[in-house]
Amino acid sequence: MQSRSLSRELALLVLGQCPERVDHPPDLSLDTLLQKALDSLMQHWTEVLDCCAGDLEKAQQHLLESELKDGPSSDQSSVRASLQLSLTGAEQVLNGLSASLELPRLLALSNQDQVRREAMQRVTFVLKKRKAIDQLLDGVMEGWRLTRLPRIDRDILRLAVIDLSELNTPAAVACNEAVELAHRFSDEQGRKMINGVLRRLQNAPSLVLS
């Protein structure tokens, strides 16, 4: 993984530990912030797995109920829906766990000083310019508000804006890597929303942040 991509992913995890409406990173070491971020992700994936287990139980219950009924059953669609939800959630968990567990190893193998410096540069840009970034994103949301998105989706989009406006990253690269983050850390609905916002963002008349 290129250092730029790694620094972006690290920045995303650090941003998740920064309270909204602050303009500077927490007074904690980067290692501490990273550990807190990984702990939060593990908790999130545990909760998703619990939801998957609930969907499997629903599918099992629907199957039992259908077996007790005489004649054709209409419960097959409910069973399929519950199984699909469970499989989708399990896939998301596997992808997320893979990303979370891989990051410390990648940091150990990379040029850590450069990666950490670039990550904190991105974090600082987002925190200091968040109001302008959010106004820009709200302007291309088309009837939706940025605040209605999950925090991690908001931060993925914020980092994409910083790439485009402050770091002179080519639009195609910035958007592709934002989508890659969405595949690693968001769900299907989030990925679709991020894709749409990024397409409109590239056509925005100005990406200059005040």
C-alpha atoms as a PDB file:
ATOM      1  CA  MET A   1       0.000   0.000   0.000  1.00  0.00           C
ATOM      2  CA  GLN A   2       1.394   3.440  -0.894  1.00  0.00           C
ATOM      3  CA  SER A   3       2.278   5.725   1.998  1.00  0.00           C
ATOM      4  CA  ARG A   4      -0.345   8.222   0.826  1.00  0.00           C
ATOM      5  CA  SER A   5      -3.095   5.621   1.021  1.00  0.00           C
ATOM      6  CA  LEU A   6      -1.852   4.414   4.383  1.00  0.00           C
ATOM      7  CA  SER A   7      -1.686   7.945   5.783  1.00  0.00           C
ATOM      8  CA  ARG A   8      -5.242   8.580   4.566  1.00  0.00           C
ATOM      9  CA  GLU A   9      -6.506   5.449   6.296  1.00  0.00           C
ATOM     10  CA  LEU A  10      -4.654   6.342   9.482  1.00  0.00           C
ATOM     11  CA  ALA A  11      -6.095   9.862   9.315  1.00  0.00           C
ATOM     12  CA  LEU A  12      -9.595   8.405   9.001  1.00  0.00           C
ATOM     13  CA  LEU A  13      -9.118   6.330  12.138  1.00  0.00           C
ATOM     14  CA  VAL A  14      -7.679   9.267  14.086  1.00  0.00           C
ATOM     15  CA  LEU A  15     -10.518  11.566  13.008  1.00  0.00           C
ATOM     16  CA  GLY A  16     -12.975   9.095  14.472  1.00  0.00           C
ATOM     17  CA  GLN A  17     -11.427   9.783  17.884  1.00  0.00           C
ATOM     18  CA  CYS A  18     -11.759  13.565  17.546  1.00  0.00           C
ATOM     19  CA  PRO A  19     -15.000  15.045  18.921  1.00  0.00           C
ATOM     20  CA  GLU A  20     -17.083  17.052  16.478  1.00  0.00           C
ATOM     21  CA  ARG A  21     -16.686  20.838  16.685  1.00  0.00           C
ATOM     22  CA  VAL A  22     -13.041  20.796  17.815  1.00  0.00           C
ATOM     23  CA  ASP A  23     -10.359  22.402  15.668  1.00  0.00           C
ATOM     24  CA  HIS A  24      -7.312  20.464  16.872  1.00  0.00           C
ATOM     25  CA  PRO A  25      -6.403  16.812  17.492  1.00  0.00           C
ATOM     26  CA  PRO A  26      -6.724  15.414  21.030  1.00  0.00           C
ATOM     27  CA  ASP A  27      -3.679  15.831  23.238  1.00  0.00           C
ATOM     28  CA  LEU A  28      -2.781  12.164  22.911  1.00  0.00           C
ATOM     29  CA  SER A  29       0.004  10.308  21.153  1.00  0.00           C
ATOM     30  CA  LEU A  30      -0.712   8.939  17.706  1.00  0.00           C
ATOM     31  CA  ASP A  31      -0.189   5.406  19.002  1.00  0.00           C
ATOM     32  CA  THR A  32      -2.806   5.968  21.707  1.00  0.00           C
ATOM     33  CA  LEU A  33      -5.260   7.423  19.203  1.00  0.00           C
ATOM     34  CA  LEU A  34      -4.693   4.495  16.861  1.00  0.00           C
ATOM     35  CA  GLN A  35      -5.275   1.976  19.650  1.00  0.00           C
ATOM     36  CA  LYS A  36      -8.481   3.760  20.661  1.00  0.00           C
ATOM     37  CA  ALA A  37      -9.612   3.730  17.039  1.00  0.00           C
ATOM     38  CA  LEU A  38      -8.928   0.018  16.651  1.00  0.00           C
ATOM     39  CA  ASP A  39     -10.775  -0.689  19.908  1.00  0.00           C
ATOM     40  CA  SER A  40     -13.758   1.286  18.627  1.00  0.00           C
ATOM     41  CA  LEU A  41     -13.721  -0.619  15.338  1.00  0.00           C
ATOM     42  CA  MET A  42     -13.595  -3.959  17.124  1.00  0.00           C
ATOM     43  CA  GLN A  43     -16.594  -2.936  19.209  1.00  0.00           C
ATOM     44  CA  HIS A  44     -18.427  -1.891  16.056  1.00  0.00           C
ATOM     45  CA  TRP A  45     -17.725  -5.181  14.286  1.00  0.00           C
ATOM     46  CA  THR A  46     -18.864  -7.090  17.380  1.00  0.00           C
ATOM     47  CA  GLU A  47     -22.177  -5.245  17.267  1.00  0.00           C
ATOM     48  CA  VAL A  48     -22.556  -5.999  13.547  1.00  0.00           C
ATOM     49  CA  LEU A  49     -21.880  -9.681  14.223  1.00  0.00           C
ATOM     50  CA  ASP A  50     -24.592  -9.632  16.886  1.00  0.00           C
ATOM     51  CA  CYS A  51     -26.995  -8.266  14.261  1.00  0.00           C
ATOM     52  CA  CYS A  52     -25.952 -11.041  11.868  1.00  0.00           C
ATOM     53  CA  ALA A  53     -26.700 -13.615  14.537  1.00  0.00           C
ATOM     54  CA  GLY A  54     -30.132 -12.053  15.005  1.00  0.00           C
ATOM     55  CA  ASP A  55     -30.832 -12.267  11.270  1.00  0.00           C
ATOM     56  CA  LEU A  56     -29.823 -15.939  11.248  1.00  0.00           C
ATOM     57  CA  GLU A  57     -32.167 -16.625  14.151  1.00  0.00           C
ATOM     58  CA  LYS A  58     -34.993 -14.937  12.228  1.00  0.00           C
ATOM     59  CA  ALA A  59     -34.268 -17.097   9.180  1.00  0.00           C
ATOM     60  CA  GLN A  60     -34.274 -20.218  11.329  1.00  0.00           C
ATOM     61  CA  GLN A  61     -37.572 -19.220  12.917  1.00  0.00           C
ATOM     62  CA  HIS A  62     -39.148 -18.576   9.515  1.00  0.00           C
ATOM     63  CA  LEU A  63     -37.998 -22.014   8.344  1.00  0.00           C
ATOM     64  CA  LEU A  64     -39.490 -23.718  11.395  1.00  0.00           C
ATOM     65  CA  GLU A  65     -42.773 -21.870  10.928  1.00  0.00           C
ATOM     66  CA  SER A  66     -42.942 -22.784   7.249  1.00  0.00           C
ATOM     67  CA  GLU A  67     -42.381 -26.472   8.036  1.00  0.00           C
ATOM     68  CA  LEU A  68     -45.373 -26.432  10.367  1.00  0.00           C
ATOM     69  CA  LYS A  69     -47.697 -25.038   7.713  1.00  0.00           C
ATOM     70  CA  ASP A  70     -49.615 -27.152   5.239  1.00  0.00           C
ATOM     71  CA  GLY A  71     -49.326 -26.385   1.544  1.00  0.00           C
ATOM     72  CA  PRO A  72     -47.164 -23.758  -0.185  1.00  0.00           C
ATOM     73  CA  SER A  73     -45.517 -21.285   2.159  1.00  0.00           C
ATOM     74  CA  SER A  74     -44.857 -17.608   1.548  1.00  0.00           C
ATOM     75  CA  ASP A  75     -42.149 -17.537   4.217  1.00  0.00           C
ATOM     76  CA  GLN A  76     -39.364 -18.360   1.760  1.00  0.00           C
ATOM     77  CA  SER A  77     -38.957 -14.715   0.828  1.00  0.00           C
ATOM     78  CA  SER A  78     -38.595 -13.789   4.510  1.00  0.00           C
ATOM     79  CA  VAL A  79     -36.010 -16.529   4.970  1.00  0.00           C
ATOM     80  CA  ARG A  80     -34.039 -15.338   1.946  1.00  0.00           C
ATOM     81  CA  ALA A  81     -34.188 -11.725   3.151  1.00  0.00           C
ATOM     82  CA  SER A  82     -32.907 -12.633   6.624  1.00  0.00           C
ATOM     83  CA  LEU A  83     -30.136 -14.796   5.196  1.00  0.00           C
ATOM     84  CA  GLN A  84     -29.105 -12.053   2.774  1.00  0.00           C
ATOM     85  CA  LEU A  85     -28.900  -9.497   5.577  1.00  0.00           C
ATOM     86  CA  SER A  86     -26.788 -11.873   7.622  1.00  0.00           C
ATOM     87  CA  LEU A  87     -24.423 -12.675   4.736  1.00  0.00           C
ATOM     88  CA  THR A  88     -24.043  -8.998   3.843  1.00  0.00           C
ATOM     89  CA  GLY A  89     -23.265  -8.110   7.445  1.00  0.00           C
ATOM     90  CA  ALA A  90     -20.794 -10.971   7.785  1.00  0.00           C
ATOM     91  CA  GLU A  91     -18.984  -9.860   4.621  1.00  0.00           C
ATOM     92  CA  GLN A  92     -18.756  -6.321   5.966  1.00  0.00           C
ATOM     93  CA  VAL A  93     -17.340  -7.613   9.254  1.00  0.00           C
ATOM     94  CA  LEU A  94     -14.709  -9.741   7.502  1.00  0.00           C
ATOM     95  CA  ASN A  95     -13.629  -6.811   5.340  1.00  0.00           C
ATOM     96  CA  GLY A  96     -13.522  -4.475   8.313  1.00  0.00           C
ATOM     97  CA  LEU A  97     -11.596  -6.866  10.519  1.00  0.00           C
ATOM     98  CA  SER A  98      -9.118  -7.487   7.721  1.00  0.00           C
ATOM     99  CA  ALA A  99      -8.539  -3.746   7.328  1.00  0.00           C
ATOM    100  CA  SER A 100      -8.261  -3.176  11.078  1.00  0.00           C
ATOM    101  CA  LEU A 101      -5.817  -6.020  11.677  1.00  0.00           C
ATOM    102  CA  GLU A 102      -3.697  -5.167   8.647  1.00  0.00           C
ATOM    103  CA  LEU A 103      -3.091  -1.534   9.560  1.00  0.00           C
ATOM    104  CA  PRO A 104      -0.599  -2.041  12.443  1.00  0.00           C
ATOM    105  CA  ARG A 105       1.470  -4.412  10.292  1.00  0.00           C
ATOM    106  CA  LEU A 106       1.493  -1.975   7.394  1.00  0.00           C
ATOM    107  CA  LEU A 107       2.600   0.813   9.705  1.00  0.00           C
ATOM    108  CA  ALA A 108       5.450  -1.331  10.985  1.00  0.00           C
ATOM    109  CA  LEU A 109       6.615  -2.062   7.422  1.00  0.00           C
ATOM    110  CA  SER A 110       6.253   1.467   6.103  1.00  0.00           C
ATOM    111  CA  ASN A 111       8.192   4.663   6.525  1.00  0.00           C
ATOM    112  CA  GLN A 112       6.421   5.436   9.773  1.00  0.00           C
ATOM    113  CA  ASP A 113       7.646   9.015  10.178  1.00  0.00           C
ATOM    114  CA  GLN A 114       6.386  10.005   6.746  1.00  0.00           C
ATOM    115  CA  VAL A 115       3.074   8.177   7.144  1.00  0.00           C
ATOM    116  CA  ARG A 116       2.410   9.641  10.578  1.00  0.00           C
ATOM    117  CA  ARG A 117       3.374  13.145   9.462  1.00  0.00           C
ATOM    118  CA  GLU A 118       1.100  12.993   6.437  1.00  0.00           C
ATOM    119  CA  ALA A 119      -1.746  11.477   8.458  1.00  0.00           C
ATOM    120  CA  MET A 120      -1.641  14.226  11.063  1.00  0.00           C
ATOM    121  CA  GLN A 121      -1.405  16.837   8.314  1.00  0.00           C
ATOM    122  CA  ARG A 122      -4.671  15.534   6.892  1.00  0.00           C
ATOM    123  CA  VAL A 123      -6.293  15.411  10.319  1.00  0.00           C
ATOM    124  CA  THR A 124      -5.230  18.988  11.079  1.00  0.00           C
ATOM    125  CA  PHE A 125      -6.556  20.241   7.734  1.00  0.00           C
ATOM    126  CA  VAL A 126      -9.929  18.591   8.322  1.00  0.00           C
ATOM    127  CA  LEU A 127     -10.313  19.871  11.869  1.00  0.00           C
ATOM    128  CA  LYS A 128      -9.281  23.443  11.078  1.00  0.00           C
ATOM    129  CA  LYS A 129     -11.383  23.693   7.909  1.00  0.00           C
ATOM    130  CA  ARG A 130     -14.272  21.413   8.859  1.00  0.00           C
ATOM    131  CA  LYS A 131     -16.933  24.143   8.752  1.00  0.00           C
ATOM    132  CA  ALA A 132     -15.998  25.137   5.191  1.00  0.00           C
ATOM    133  CA  ILE A 133     -15.643  21.486   4.157  1.00  0.00           C
ATOM    134  CA  ASP A 134     -19.072  20.605   5.525  1.00  0.00           C
ATOM    135  CA  GLN A 135     -20.686  23.596   3.821  1.00  0.00           C
ATOM    136  CA  LEU A 136     -19.138  22.520   0.528  1.00  0.00           C
ATOM    137  CA  LEU A 137     -20.351  18.940   0.957  1.00  0.00           C
ATOM    138  CA  ASP A 138     -23.835  20.059   1.995  1.00  0.00           C
ATOM    139  CA  GLY A 139     -23.968  22.030  -1.251  1.00  0.00           C
ATOM    140  CA  VAL A 140     -23.673  18.848  -3.320  1.00  0.00           C
ATOM    141  CA  MET A 141     -25.795  16.520  -1.195  1.00  0.00           C
ATOM    142  CA  GLU A 142     -28.993  17.094  -3.229  1.00  0.00           C
ATOM    143  CA  GLY A 143     -31.714  17.089  -0.607  1.00  0.00           C
ATOM    144  CA  TRP A 144     -29.632  15.261   1.987  1.00  0.00           C
ATOM    145  CA  ARG A 145     -27.653  16.656   4.901  1.00  0.00           C
ATOM    146  CA  LEU A 146     -24.106  15.643   5.727  1.00  0.00           C
ATOM    147  CA  THR A 147     -25.035  15.344   9.400  1.00  0.00           C
ATOM    148  CA  ARG A 148     -27.407  12.485   8.546  1.00  0.00           C
ATOM    149  CA  LEU A 149     -24.522  10.298   7.368  1.00  0.00           C
ATOM    150  CA  PRO A 150     -22.623   8.012   9.767  1.00  0.00           C
ATOM    151  CA  ARG A 151     -19.524   9.648  11.204  1.00  0.00           C
ATOM    152  CA  ILE A 152     -17.088   7.463   9.267  1.00  0.00           C
ATOM    153  CA  ASP A 153     -18.806   8.325   5.953  1.00  0.00           C
ATOM    154  CA  ARG A 154     -18.599  12.040   6.764  1.00  0.00           C
ATOM    155  CA  ASP A 155     -14.896  11.741   7.531  1.00  0.00           C
ATOM    156  CA  ILE A 156     -14.202   9.815   4.307  1.00  0.00           C
ATOM    157  CA  LEU A 157     -15.809  12.648   2.339  1.00  0.00           C
ATOM    158  CA  ARG A 158     -13.973  15.311   4.358  1.00  0.00           C
ATOM    159  CA  LEU A 159     -10.641  13.687   3.614  1.00  0.00           C
ATOM    160  CA  ALA A 160     -11.519  13.564  -0.082  1.00  0.00           C
ATOM    161  CA  VAL A 161     -12.187  17.314  -0.035  1.00  0.00           C
ATOM    162  CA  ILE A 162      -8.808  17.926   1.601  1.00  0.00           C
ATOM    163  CA  ASP A 163      -7.118  15.827  -1.073  1.00  0.00           C
ATOM    164  CA  LEU A 164      -8.776  17.858  -3.812  1.00  0.00           C
ATOM    165  CA  SER A 165      -8.505  21.323  -2.307  1.00  0.00           C
ATOM    166  CA  GLU A 166      -5.334  21.331  -0.207  1.00  0.00           C
ATOM    167  CA  LEU A 167      -3.058  18.496  -1.313  1.00  0.00           C
ATOM    168  CA  ASN A 168      -3.443  18.820  -5.104  1.00  0.00           C
ATOM    169  CA  THR A 169      -4.312  15.144  -5.456  1.00  0.00           C
ATOM    170  CA  PRO A 170      -5.691  14.370  -8.942  1.00  0.00           C
ATOM    171  CA  ALA A 171      -9.481  14.103  -8.788  1.00  0.00           C
ATOM    172  CA  ALA A 172      -9.569  10.541 -10.110  1.00  0.00           C
ATOM    173  CA  VAL A 173      -7.028   9.388  -7.506  1.00  0.00           C
ATOM    174  CA  ALA A 174      -8.711  11.207  -4.607  1.00  0.00           C
ATOM    175  CA  CYS A 175     -12.124   9.813  -5.474  1.00  0.00           C
ATOM    176  CA  ASN A 176     -10.888   6.275  -6.139  1.00  0.00           C
ATOM    177  CA  GLU A 177      -9.104   6.149  -2.807  1.00  0.00           C
ATOM    178  CA  ALA A 178     -12.127   7.586  -0.980  1.00  0.00           C
ATOM    179  CA  VAL A 179     -14.240   4.839  -2.540  1.00  0.00           C
ATOM    180  CA  GLU A 180     -11.651   2.277  -1.430  1.00  0.00           C
ATOM    181  CA  LEU A 181     -11.946   3.559   2.142  1.00  0.00           C
ATOM    182  CA  ALA A 182     -15.714   3.259   1.856  1.00  0.00           C
ATOM    183  CA  HIS A 183     -15.359  -0.369   0.742  1.00  0.00           C
ATOM    184  CA  ARG A 184     -13.174  -1.099   3.746  1.00  0.00           C
ATOM    185  CA  PHE A 185     -15.078   0.743   6.443  1.00  0.00           C
ATOM    186  CA  SER A 186     -18.631   1.564   5.286  1.00  0.00           C
ATOM    187  CA  ASP A 187     -21.661  -0.443   4.217  1.00  0.00           C
ATOM    188  CA  GLU A 188     -23.397  -0.733   0.844  1.00  0.00           C
ATOM    189  CA  GLN A 189     -25.676   2.249   1.425  1.00  0.00           C
ATOM    190  CA  GLY A 190     -22.743   4.359   2.567  1.00  0.00           C
ATOM    191  CA  ARG A 191     -20.682   3.391  -0.470  1.00  0.00           C
ATOM    192  CA  LYS A 192     -23.484   4.417  -2.820  1.00  0.00           C
ATOM    193  CA  MET A 193     -23.931   7.755  -1.063  1.00  0.00           C
ATOM    194  CA  ILE A 194     -20.191   8.484  -1.064  1.00  0.00           C
ATOM    195  CA  ASN A 195     -19.930   7.596  -4.752  1.00  0.00           C
ATOM    196  CA  GLY A 196     -22.742   9.989  -5.650  1.00  0.00           C
ATOM    197  CA  VAL A 197     -21.387  12.849  -3.559  1.00  0.00           C
ATOM    198  CA  LEU A 198     -17.894  12.429  -5.010  1.00  0.00           C
ATOM    199  CA  ARG A 199     -19.219  12.568  -8.565  1.00  0.00           C
ATOM    200  CA  ARG A 200     -21.037  15.823  -7.841  1.00  0.00           C
ATOM    201  CA  LEU A 201     -18.079  17.162  -5.902  1.00  0.00           C
ATOM    202  CA  GLN A 202     -15.820  16.860  -8.946  1.00  0.00           C
ATOM    203  CA  ASN A 203     -18.246  19.077 -10.853  1.00  0.00           C
ATOM    204  CA  ALA A 204     -18.472  21.713  -8.116  1.00  0.00           C
ATOM    205  CA  PRO A 205     -17.549  25.201  -9.381  1.00  0.00           C
ATOM    206  CA  SER A 206     -14.968  25.787  -6.658  1.00  0.00           C
ATOM    207  CA  LEU A 207     -13.086  23.661  -4.161  1.00  0.00           C
ATOM    208  CA  VAL A 208     -11.300  26.565  -2.477  1.00  0.00           C
ATOM    209  CA  LEU A 209     -11.741  26.465   1.292  1.00  0.00           C
ATOM    210  CA  SER A 210     -11.732  29.626   3.344  1.00  0.00           C
END
